[in-house]
């Protein structure tokens, strides 16, 4: 590929990414994505992804943002939203000697405590409605990364564009705000592995292979009745040297007294005999 073609390809690539950023705002992409001229890259703490957004000169005003095609985003209740953003900066930027990105994770409990201290009164139920609404607006505009389910918040990728003069003003603002309480984060759940629906070493599904082989009848365990008869006195299994069983003569059977003669059947029958 010739040099003019390479330059033209690079211009098309940059123009494509600029169009994406202007339409969708900051983009979270893979770390393998090639850099784009004029776009700042900010890596996530775990390094799994990076954010791409326009590089703004320090002190850029509305005119510069208009030229870049990124006008300021209008939000509802701007004063309340700016107040919540300042509180989140105080909670998520503990080391104010460096950059605000990426900061640390803050909690909704911290935000409510600082909000009540800023107002100079105890926490009220109406505060939560105002705070949640502001957090959602700031999350939609990428100023914050708000996890509503876990009640946790981080500074968004747009804070990368803050220059030195803006960071100086934010440090002074954080100094006069009430100190947030220590953060108590929810325990992270380990992802459960998804079972393989078709394992490679699956057992055969035929009835003969699925069920264990039935042992022969001779090897089957004896039943309770068999065990009782085997251990009864006079049985063949009681003594290994016992003689073979022979049928007793008929006379021996007739000489034995009947069972009914051993004891009277009832008191009435005994009285008649007397």
C-alpha atoms as a PDB file:
ATOM      1  CA  UNK A   1       0.000   0.000   0.000  1.00  0.00           C
ATOM      2  CA  UNK A   2       1.405   3.398  -0.989  1.00  0.00           C
ATOM      3  CA  UNK A   3       1.881   6.325   1.368  1.00  0.00           C
ATOM      4  CA  UNK A   4      -1.164   8.320   0.111  1.00  0.00           C
ATOM      5  CA  UNK A   5      -3.342   5.247   0.570  1.00  0.00           C
ATOM      6  CA  UNK A   6      -2.058   4.750   4.106  1.00  0.00           C
ATOM      7  CA  UNK A   7      -2.731   8.405   4.966  1.00  0.00           C
ATOM      8  CA  UNK A   8      -6.200   8.233   3.466  1.00  0.00           C
ATOM      9  CA  UNK A   9      -6.921   5.009   5.346  1.00  0.00           C
ATOM     10  CA  UNK A  10      -5.801   6.636   8.612  1.00  0.00           C
ATOM     11  CA  UNK A  11      -8.028   9.640   7.986  1.00  0.00           C
ATOM     12  CA  UNK A  12     -11.022   7.415   7.329  1.00  0.00           C
ATOM     13  CA  UNK A  13     -10.291   5.417  10.472  1.00  0.00           C
ATOM     14  CA  UNK A  14     -10.054   8.546  12.620  1.00  0.00           C
ATOM     15  CA  UNK A  15     -13.178  10.046  11.062  1.00  0.00           C
ATOM     16  CA  UNK A  16     -15.119   6.858  11.774  1.00  0.00           C
ATOM     17  CA  UNK A  17     -14.186   6.856  15.452  1.00  0.00           C
ATOM     18  CA  UNK A  18     -14.864  10.570  15.813  1.00  0.00           C
ATOM     19  CA  UNK A  19     -18.331  10.032  14.388  1.00  0.00           C
ATOM     20  CA  UNK A  20     -18.929   7.247  16.895  1.00  0.00           C
ATOM     21  CA  UNK A  21     -17.799   9.376  19.838  1.00  0.00           C
ATOM     22  CA  UNK A  22     -19.825  12.398  18.736  1.00  0.00           C
ATOM     23  CA  UNK A  23     -22.988  10.315  18.449  1.00  0.00           C
ATOM     24  CA  UNK A  24     -22.630   7.972  21.433  1.00  0.00           C
ATOM     25  CA  UNK A  25     -20.290   9.795  23.827  1.00  0.00           C
ATOM     26  CA  UNK A  26     -17.327   8.056  25.500  1.00  0.00           C
ATOM     27  CA  UNK A  27     -16.845   4.541  24.186  1.00  0.00           C
ATOM     28  CA  UNK A  28     -15.614   1.522  26.117  1.00  0.00           C
ATOM     29  CA  UNK A  29     -13.523  -0.635  23.778  1.00  0.00           C
ATOM     30  CA  UNK A  30     -11.002  -3.453  23.881  1.00  0.00           C
ATOM     31  CA  UNK A  31      -7.400  -2.609  24.826  1.00  0.00           C
ATOM     32  CA  UNK A  32      -6.328  -3.967  21.420  1.00  0.00           C
ATOM     33  CA  UNK A  33      -8.162  -1.160  19.606  1.00  0.00           C
ATOM     34  CA  UNK A  34      -5.630   1.004  17.735  1.00  0.00           C
ATOM     35  CA  UNK A  35      -5.269   4.591  18.986  1.00  0.00           C
ATOM     36  CA  UNK A  36      -7.186   7.379  17.298  1.00  0.00           C
ATOM     37  CA  UNK A  37      -5.772  10.831  16.685  1.00  0.00           C
ATOM     38  CA  UNK A  38      -7.378  13.374  19.010  1.00  0.00           C
ATOM     39  CA  UNK A  39      -9.032  10.813  21.304  1.00  0.00           C
ATOM     40  CA  UNK A  40      -7.827  10.183  24.843  1.00  0.00           C
ATOM     41  CA  UNK A  41      -7.527   6.616  26.086  1.00  0.00           C
ATOM     42  CA  UNK A  42      -8.233   5.806  29.737  1.00  0.00           C
ATOM     43  CA  UNK A  43      -7.758   2.233  30.960  1.00  0.00           C
ATOM     44  CA  UNK A  44     -10.043   0.605  33.477  1.00  0.00           C
ATOM     45  CA  UNK A  45      -8.427  -0.419  36.804  1.00  0.00           C
ATOM     46  CA  UNK A  46      -8.492  -4.108  35.834  1.00  0.00           C
ATOM     47  CA  UNK A  47      -7.094  -3.402  32.346  1.00  0.00           C
ATOM     48  CA  UNK A  48      -9.901  -5.341  30.647  1.00  0.00           C
ATOM     49  CA  UNK A  49     -11.077  -2.343  28.602  1.00  0.00           C
ATOM     50  CA  UNK A  50     -10.313   1.290  27.811  1.00  0.00           C
ATOM     51  CA  UNK A  51     -12.412   4.391  27.301  1.00  0.00           C
ATOM     52  CA  UNK A  52     -12.007   6.633  24.279  1.00  0.00           C
ATOM     53  CA  UNK A  53     -13.181  10.260  24.325  1.00  0.00           C
ATOM     54  CA  UNK A  54     -12.022  13.538  22.750  1.00  0.00           C
ATOM     55  CA  UNK A  55      -8.979  15.305  24.112  1.00  0.00           C
ATOM     56  CA  UNK A  56      -9.997  18.790  25.234  1.00  0.00           C
ATOM     57  CA  UNK A  57      -7.566  21.644  25.874  1.00  0.00           C
ATOM     58  CA  UNK A  58      -7.442  22.996  29.400  1.00  0.00           C
ATOM     59  CA  UNK A  59     -10.081  25.673  29.880  1.00  0.00           C
ATOM     60  CA  UNK A  60     -12.003  24.812  26.719  1.00  0.00           C
ATOM     61  CA  UNK A  61     -15.323  26.630  26.685  1.00  0.00           C
ATOM     62  CA  UNK A  62     -18.594  26.154  24.871  1.00  0.00           C
ATOM     63  CA  UNK A  63     -17.168  27.404  21.577  1.00  0.00           C
ATOM     64  CA  UNK A  64     -14.473  24.720  21.481  1.00  0.00           C
ATOM     65  CA  UNK A  65     -16.971  22.037  22.409  1.00  0.00           C
ATOM     66  CA  UNK A  66     -19.267  23.182  19.615  1.00  0.00           C
ATOM     67  CA  UNK A  67     -16.424  22.973  17.095  1.00  0.00           C
ATOM     68  CA  UNK A  68     -15.593  19.454  18.249  1.00  0.00           C
ATOM     69  CA  UNK A  69     -19.218  18.459  17.864  1.00  0.00           C
ATOM     70  CA  UNK A  70     -19.585  17.770  21.598  1.00  0.00           C
ATOM     71  CA  UNK A  71     -21.742  20.508  23.108  1.00  0.00           C
ATOM     72  CA  UNK A  72     -22.376  20.420  26.869  1.00  0.00           C
ATOM     73  CA  UNK A  73     -25.120  18.003  27.847  1.00  0.00           C
ATOM     74  CA  UNK A  74     -28.108  19.747  29.394  1.00  0.00           C
ATOM     75  CA  UNK A  75     -29.573  17.956  32.421  1.00  0.00           C
ATOM     76  CA  UNK A  76     -32.577  18.526  34.616  1.00  0.00           C
ATOM     77  CA  UNK A  77     -32.027  20.267  37.949  1.00  0.00           C
ATOM     78  CA  UNK A  78     -28.439  21.327  37.107  1.00  0.00           C
ATOM     79  CA  UNK A  79     -27.717  22.774  40.562  1.00  0.00           C
ATOM     80  CA  UNK A  80     -28.767  19.616  42.393  1.00  0.00           C
ATOM     81  CA  UNK A  81     -26.935  17.454  39.858  1.00  0.00           C
ATOM     82  CA  UNK A  82     -23.737  19.478  40.236  1.00  0.00           C
ATOM     83  CA  UNK A  83     -24.001  19.182  44.029  1.00  0.00           C
ATOM     84  CA  UNK A  84     -24.233  15.387  43.848  1.00  0.00           C
ATOM     85  CA  UNK A  85     -21.301  15.277  41.400  1.00  0.00           C
ATOM     86  CA  UNK A  86     -19.154  17.260  43.841  1.00  0.00           C
ATOM     87  CA  UNK A  87     -20.102  14.865  46.653  1.00  0.00           C
ATOM     88  CA  UNK A  88     -19.176  11.854  44.516  1.00  0.00           C
ATOM     89  CA  UNK A  89     -15.818  13.439  43.699  1.00  0.00           C
ATOM     90  CA  UNK A  90     -15.158  13.852  47.427  1.00  0.00           C
ATOM     91  CA  UNK A  91     -16.086  10.194  48.081  1.00  0.00           C
ATOM     92  CA  UNK A  92     -14.295   8.631  45.087  1.00  0.00           C
ATOM     93  CA  UNK A  93     -11.124  10.749  44.936  1.00  0.00           C
ATOM     94  CA  UNK A  94      -9.232  10.123  48.195  1.00  0.00           C
ATOM     95  CA  UNK A  95      -5.747  10.723  46.780  1.00  0.00           C
ATOM     96  CA  UNK A  96      -6.128  14.268  45.484  1.00  0.00           C
ATOM     97  CA  UNK A  97      -2.476  14.698  44.711  1.00  0.00           C
ATOM     98  CA  UNK A  98      -2.895  13.020  41.323  1.00  0.00           C
ATOM     99  CA  UNK A  99      -5.518  12.547  38.641  1.00  0.00           C
ATOM    100  CA  UNK A 100      -9.135  11.894  39.508  1.00  0.00           C
ATOM    101  CA  UNK A 101      -9.300   8.862  37.206  1.00  0.00           C
ATOM    102  CA  UNK A 102     -10.007   6.092  38.017  1.00  0.00           C
ATOM    103  CA  UNK A 103     -10.532   6.849  41.700  1.00  0.00           C
ATOM    104  CA  UNK A 104     -12.116   4.386  44.099  1.00  0.00           C
ATOM    105  CA  UNK A 105     -15.592   2.947  44.571  1.00  0.00           C
ATOM    106  CA  UNK A 106     -17.992   4.977  46.713  1.00  0.00           C
ATOM    107  CA  UNK A 107     -21.312   3.936  48.216  1.00  0.00           C
ATOM    108  CA  UNK A 108     -24.777   5.426  48.428  1.00  0.00           C
ATOM    109  CA  UNK A 109     -24.431   5.537  52.219  1.00  0.00           C
ATOM    110  CA  UNK A 110     -21.435   7.839  51.898  1.00  0.00           C
ATOM    111  CA  UNK A 111     -23.253  10.125  49.470  1.00  0.00           C
ATOM    112  CA  UNK A 112     -26.281  10.433  51.747  1.00  0.00           C
ATOM    113  CA  UNK A 113     -24.107  11.216  54.766  1.00  0.00           C
ATOM    114  CA  UNK A 114     -22.154  13.949  52.961  1.00  0.00           C
ATOM    115  CA  UNK A 115     -25.361  15.326  51.441  1.00  0.00           C
ATOM    116  CA  UNK A 116     -26.985  15.636  54.881  1.00  0.00           C
ATOM    117  CA  UNK A 117     -23.839  17.220  56.312  1.00  0.00           C
ATOM    118  CA  UNK A 118     -23.740  19.710  53.472  1.00  0.00           C
ATOM    119  CA  UNK A 119     -27.339  20.689  54.168  1.00  0.00           C
ATOM    120  CA  UNK A 120     -26.648  20.912  57.901  1.00  0.00           C
ATOM    121  CA  UNK A 121     -29.506  18.637  58.953  1.00  0.00           C
ATOM    122  CA  UNK A 122     -30.202  14.923  59.499  1.00  0.00           C
ATOM    123  CA  UNK A 123     -30.952  12.669  56.558  1.00  0.00           C
ATOM    124  CA  UNK A 124     -34.492  12.835  55.209  1.00  0.00           C
ATOM    125  CA  UNK A 125     -36.463  10.484  52.994  1.00  0.00           C
ATOM    126  CA  UNK A 126     -36.754  13.138  50.282  1.00  0.00           C
ATOM    127  CA  UNK A 127     -32.959  13.301  50.002  1.00  0.00           C
ATOM    128  CA  UNK A 128     -32.815   9.811  48.527  1.00  0.00           C
ATOM    129  CA  UNK A 129     -35.147  10.760  45.663  1.00  0.00           C
ATOM    130  CA  UNK A 130     -33.006  13.766  44.740  1.00  0.00           C
ATOM    131  CA  UNK A 131     -29.758  11.816  45.024  1.00  0.00           C
ATOM    132  CA  UNK A 132     -30.919   8.850  42.937  1.00  0.00           C
ATOM    133  CA  UNK A 133     -32.256  11.143  40.219  1.00  0.00           C
ATOM    134  CA  UNK A 134     -28.963  13.033  40.036  1.00  0.00           C
ATOM    135  CA  UNK A 135     -26.933   9.813  39.973  1.00  0.00           C
ATOM    136  CA  UNK A 136     -28.965   8.500  37.063  1.00  0.00           C
ATOM    137  CA  UNK A 137     -28.501  11.711  35.066  1.00  0.00           C
ATOM    138  CA  UNK A 138     -24.764  11.739  35.722  1.00  0.00           C
ATOM    139  CA  UNK A 139     -24.495   8.082  34.735  1.00  0.00           C
ATOM    140  CA  UNK A 140     -26.354   8.708  31.474  1.00  0.00           C
ATOM    141  CA  UNK A 141     -23.858  11.467  30.570  1.00  0.00           C
ATOM    142  CA  UNK A 142     -20.776   9.373  31.592  1.00  0.00           C
ATOM    143  CA  UNK A 143     -19.739  11.690  34.426  1.00  0.00           C
ATOM    144  CA  UNK A 144     -20.317   8.804  36.840  1.00  0.00           C
ATOM    145  CA  UNK A 145     -20.514   5.018  36.657  1.00  0.00           C
ATOM    146  CA  UNK A 146     -23.504   4.234  38.875  1.00  0.00           C
ATOM    147  CA  UNK A 147     -24.362   0.669  39.875  1.00  0.00           C
ATOM    148  CA  UNK A 148     -27.872   1.077  41.245  1.00  0.00           C
ATOM    149  CA  UNK A 149     -28.309  -2.587  42.151  1.00  0.00           C
ATOM    150  CA  UNK A 150     -25.212  -2.647  44.371  1.00  0.00           C
ATOM    151  CA  UNK A 151     -25.543   0.983  45.512  1.00  0.00           C
ATOM    152  CA  UNK A 152     -21.981   1.772  44.380  1.00  0.00           C
ATOM    153  CA  UNK A 153     -20.582   4.597  42.259  1.00  0.00           C
ATOM    154  CA  UNK A 154     -17.335   5.470  40.504  1.00  0.00           C
ATOM    155  CA  UNK A 155     -16.123   8.525  38.653  1.00  0.00           C
ATOM    156  CA  UNK A 156     -16.948   8.312  34.958  1.00  0.00           C
ATOM    157  CA  UNK A 157     -14.583   8.595  31.989  1.00  0.00           C
ATOM    158  CA  UNK A 158     -15.451  12.256  31.370  1.00  0.00           C
ATOM    159  CA  UNK A 159     -13.387  13.268  34.413  1.00  0.00           C
ATOM    160  CA  UNK A 160     -10.295  12.476  32.324  1.00  0.00           C
ATOM    161  CA  UNK A 161     -10.886  15.730  30.468  1.00  0.00           C
ATOM    162  CA  UNK A 162     -10.454  17.845  33.622  1.00  0.00           C
ATOM    163  CA  UNK A 163      -7.381  20.008  33.307  1.00  0.00           C
ATOM    164  CA  UNK A 164      -5.000  21.259  35.951  1.00  0.00           C
ATOM    165  CA  UNK A 165      -7.009  24.405  36.707  1.00  0.00           C
ATOM    166  CA  UNK A 166     -10.228  22.449  37.124  1.00  0.00           C
ATOM    167  CA  UNK A 167      -8.563  19.897  39.410  1.00  0.00           C
ATOM    168  CA  UNK A 168      -7.262  22.717  41.580  1.00  0.00           C
ATOM    169  CA  UNK A 169     -10.772  24.066  42.074  1.00  0.00           C
ATOM    170  CA  UNK A 170     -12.101  20.580  42.829  1.00  0.00           C
ATOM    171  CA  UNK A 171      -9.440  19.998  45.472  1.00  0.00           C
ATOM    172  CA  UNK A 172     -10.518  23.178  47.233  1.00  0.00           C
ATOM    173  CA  UNK A 173     -14.161  22.120  46.974  1.00  0.00           C
ATOM    174  CA  UNK A 174     -13.446  18.696  48.478  1.00  0.00           C
ATOM    175  CA  UNK A 175     -11.574  20.321  51.332  1.00  0.00           C
ATOM    176  CA  UNK A 176     -14.630  22.260  52.509  1.00  0.00           C
ATOM    177  CA  UNK A 177     -17.099  19.391  52.088  1.00  0.00           C
ATOM    178  CA  UNK A 178     -17.842  17.086  55.064  1.00  0.00           C
ATOM    179  CA  UNK A 179     -15.643  14.008  55.208  1.00  0.00           C
ATOM    180  CA  UNK A 180     -17.473  10.867  54.044  1.00  0.00           C
ATOM    181  CA  UNK A 181     -17.684   7.836  56.351  1.00  0.00           C
ATOM    182  CA  UNK A 182     -15.651   4.740  55.469  1.00  0.00           C
ATOM    183  CA  UNK A 183     -17.034   2.803  52.524  1.00  0.00           C
ATOM    184  CA  UNK A 184     -18.558  -0.621  53.177  1.00  0.00           C
ATOM    185  CA  UNK A 185     -18.635  -2.424  49.850  1.00  0.00           C
ATOM    186  CA  UNK A 186     -20.821  -5.395  49.018  1.00  0.00           C
ATOM    187  CA  UNK A 187     -18.931  -8.687  48.633  1.00  0.00           C
ATOM    188  CA  UNK A 188     -18.273  -9.578  45.045  1.00  0.00           C
ATOM    189  CA  UNK A 189     -19.924 -12.760  43.863  1.00  0.00           C
ATOM    190  CA  UNK A 190     -17.811 -15.209  41.939  1.00  0.00           C
ATOM    191  CA  UNK A 191     -19.291 -16.041  38.534  1.00  0.00           C
ATOM    192  CA  UNK A 192     -20.672 -19.549  38.379  1.00  0.00           C
ATOM    193  CA  UNK A 193     -19.310 -21.658  35.486  1.00  0.00           C
ATOM    194  CA  UNK A 194     -21.892 -22.557  32.895  1.00  0.00           C
ATOM    195  CA  UNK A 195     -22.310 -26.346  32.611  1.00  0.00           C
ATOM    196  CA  UNK A 196     -21.541 -27.860  29.228  1.00  0.00           C
ATOM    197  CA  UNK A 197     -24.852 -29.021  27.703  1.00  0.00           C
ATOM    198  CA  UNK A 198     -23.037 -31.589  25.549  1.00  0.00           C
ATOM    199  CA  UNK A 199     -20.026 -32.977  27.445  1.00  0.00           C
ATOM    200  CA  UNK A 200     -17.462 -34.695  25.281  1.00  0.00           C
ATOM    201  CA  UNK A 201     -17.132 -37.719  27.584  1.00  0.00           C
ATOM    202  CA  UNK A 202     -20.838 -38.310  28.075  1.00  0.00           C
ATOM    203  CA  UNK A 203     -21.841 -41.799  29.135  1.00  0.00           C
ATOM    204  CA  UNK A 204     -23.760 -43.944  26.616  1.00  0.00           C
ATOM    205  CA  UNK A 205     -27.501 -43.558  26.800  1.00  0.00           C
ATOM    206  CA  UNK A 206     -28.473 -47.151  25.980  1.00  0.00           C
ATOM    207  CA  UNK A 207     -30.376 -48.981  28.743  1.00  0.00           C
ATOM    208  CA  UNK A 208     -27.792 -51.774  28.970  1.00  0.00           C
ATOM    209  CA  UNK A 209     -24.868 -49.373  29.296  1.00  0.00           C
ATOM    210  CA  UNK A 210     -26.602 -46.823  31.529  1.00  0.00           C
ATOM    211  CA  UNK A 211     -27.692 -49.282  34.244  1.00  0.00           C
ATOM    212  CA  UNK A 212     -25.195 -51.475  36.133  1.00  0.00           C
ATOM    213  CA  UNK A 213     -25.092 -55.158  35.336  1.00  0.00           C
ATOM    214  CA  UNK A 214     -27.496 -57.174  37.458  1.00  0.00           C
ATOM    215  CA  UNK A 215     -25.584 -59.737  39.533  1.00  0.00           C
ATOM    216  CA  UNK A 216     -26.539 -63.383  39.122  1.00  0.00           C
ATOM    217  CA  UNK A 217     -29.175 -64.841  41.404  1.00  0.00           C
ATOM    218  CA  UNK A 218     -26.631 -67.010  43.244  1.00  0.00           C
ATOM    219  CA  UNK A 219     -24.610 -63.920  44.261  1.00  0.00           C
ATOM    220  CA  UNK A 220     -27.617 -62.006  45.487  1.00  0.00           C
ATOM    221  CA  UNK A 221     -27.697 -61.207  49.151  1.00  0.00           C
ATOM    222  CA  UNK A 222     -29.935 -63.519  51.219  1.00  0.00           C
ATOM    223  CA  UNK A 223     -33.282 -62.254  52.335  1.00  0.00           C
ATOM    224  CA  UNK A 224     -34.112 -61.848  56.054  1.00  0.00           C
ATOM    225  CA  UNK A 225     -36.251 -64.967  56.012  1.00  0.00           C
ATOM    226  CA  UNK A 226     -33.405 -66.999  54.564  1.00  0.00           C
ATOM    227  CA  UNK A 227     -30.996 -65.680  57.139  1.00  0.00           C
ATOM    228  CA  UNK A 228     -33.387 -66.504  59.990  1.00  0.00           C
ATOM    229  CA  UNK A 229     -33.947 -70.031  58.794  1.00  0.00           C
ATOM    230  CA  UNK A 230     -30.240 -70.531  58.272  1.00  0.00           C
ATOM    231  CA  UNK A 231     -29.386 -69.624  61.858  1.00  0.00           C
ATOM    232  CA  UNK A 232     -32.332 -71.417  63.512  1.00  0.00           C
ATOM    233  CA  UNK A 233     -31.502 -74.433  65.762  1.00  0.00           C
ATOM    234  CA  UNK A 234     -31.586 -77.714  63.969  1.00  0.00           C
ATOM    235  CA  UNK A 235     -31.176 -76.227  60.527  1.00  0.00           C
ATOM    236  CA  UNK A 236     -28.661 -77.504  58.026  1.00  0.00           C
ATOM    237  CA  UNK A 237     -26.639 -74.306  58.081  1.00  0.00           C
ATOM    238  CA  UNK A 238     -26.283 -74.283  61.885  1.00  0.00           C
ATOM    239  CA  UNK A 239     -23.566 -76.990  61.858  1.00  0.00           C
ATOM    240  CA  UNK A 240     -21.320 -77.802  58.932  1.00  0.00           C
ATOM    241  CA  UNK A 241     -21.106 -81.452  60.023  1.00  0.00           C
ATOM    242  CA  UNK A 242     -24.827 -82.007  60.396  1.00  0.00           C
ATOM    243  CA  UNK A 243     -26.172 -85.225  58.935  1.00  0.00           C
ATOM    244  CA  UNK A 244     -28.379 -85.154  55.889  1.00  0.00           C
ATOM    245  CA  UNK A 245     -32.032 -84.583  56.599  1.00  0.00           C
ATOM    246  CA  UNK A 246     -34.135 -87.732  56.698  1.00  0.00           C
ATOM    247  CA  UNK A 247     -37.863 -88.072  57.028  1.00  0.00           C
ATOM    248  CA  UNK A 248     -38.801 -89.388  60.478  1.00  0.00           C
ATOM    249  CA  UNK A 249     -40.875 -92.568  60.636  1.00  0.00           C
ATOM    250  CA  UNK A 250     -44.600 -92.292  60.896  1.00  0.00           C
ATOM    251  CA  UNK A 251     -44.641 -93.986  64.326  1.00  0.00           C
ATOM    252  CA  UNK A 252     -42.579 -91.228  65.881  1.00  0.00           C
ATOM    253  CA  UNK A 253     -45.118 -88.721  64.824  1.00  0.00           C
ATOM    254  CA  UNK A 254     -48.056 -90.677  66.293  1.00  0.00           C
ATOM    255  CA  UNK A 255     -46.332 -91.101  69.644  1.00  0.00           C
ATOM    256  CA  UNK A 256     -46.120 -87.392  70.294  1.00  0.00           C
ATOM    257  CA  UNK A 257     -48.972 -85.988  72.390  1.00  0.00           C
ATOM    258  CA  UNK A 258     -51.320 -83.553  70.803  1.00  0.00           C
ATOM    259  CA  UNK A 259     -50.864 -79.888  71.593  1.00  0.00           C
ATOM    260  CA  UNK A 260     -54.461 -79.547  72.695  1.00  0.00           C
ATOM    261  CA  UNK A 261     -53.999 -82.048  75.562  1.00  0.00           C
ATOM    262  CA  UNK A 262     -51.224 -80.059  77.190  1.00  0.00           C
ATOM    263  CA  UNK A 263     -53.449 -77.277  78.484  1.00  0.00           C
ATOM    264  CA  UNK A 264     -57.198 -76.764  78.828  1.00  0.00           C
ATOM    265  CA  UNK A 265     -58.741 -74.618  76.164  1.00  0.00           C
ATOM    266  CA  UNK A 266     -60.928 -72.642  78.603  1.00  0.00           C
ATOM    267  CA  UNK A 267     -62.064 -72.543  82.313  1.00  0.00           C
ATOM    268  CA  UNK A 268     -65.500 -73.866  81.282  1.00  0.00           C
ATOM    269  CA  UNK A 269     -64.063 -76.992  79.757  1.00  0.00           C
ATOM    270  CA  UNK A 270     -62.037 -77.677  82.909  1.00  0.00           C
ATOM    271  CA  UNK A 271     -65.129 -77.508  85.132  1.00  0.00           C
ATOM    272  CA  UNK A 272     -66.980 -80.054  82.981  1.00  0.00           C
ATOM    273  CA  UNK A 273     -64.106 -82.509  83.282  1.00  0.00           C
ATOM    274  CA  UNK A 274     -64.337 -82.274  87.042  1.00  0.00           C
END
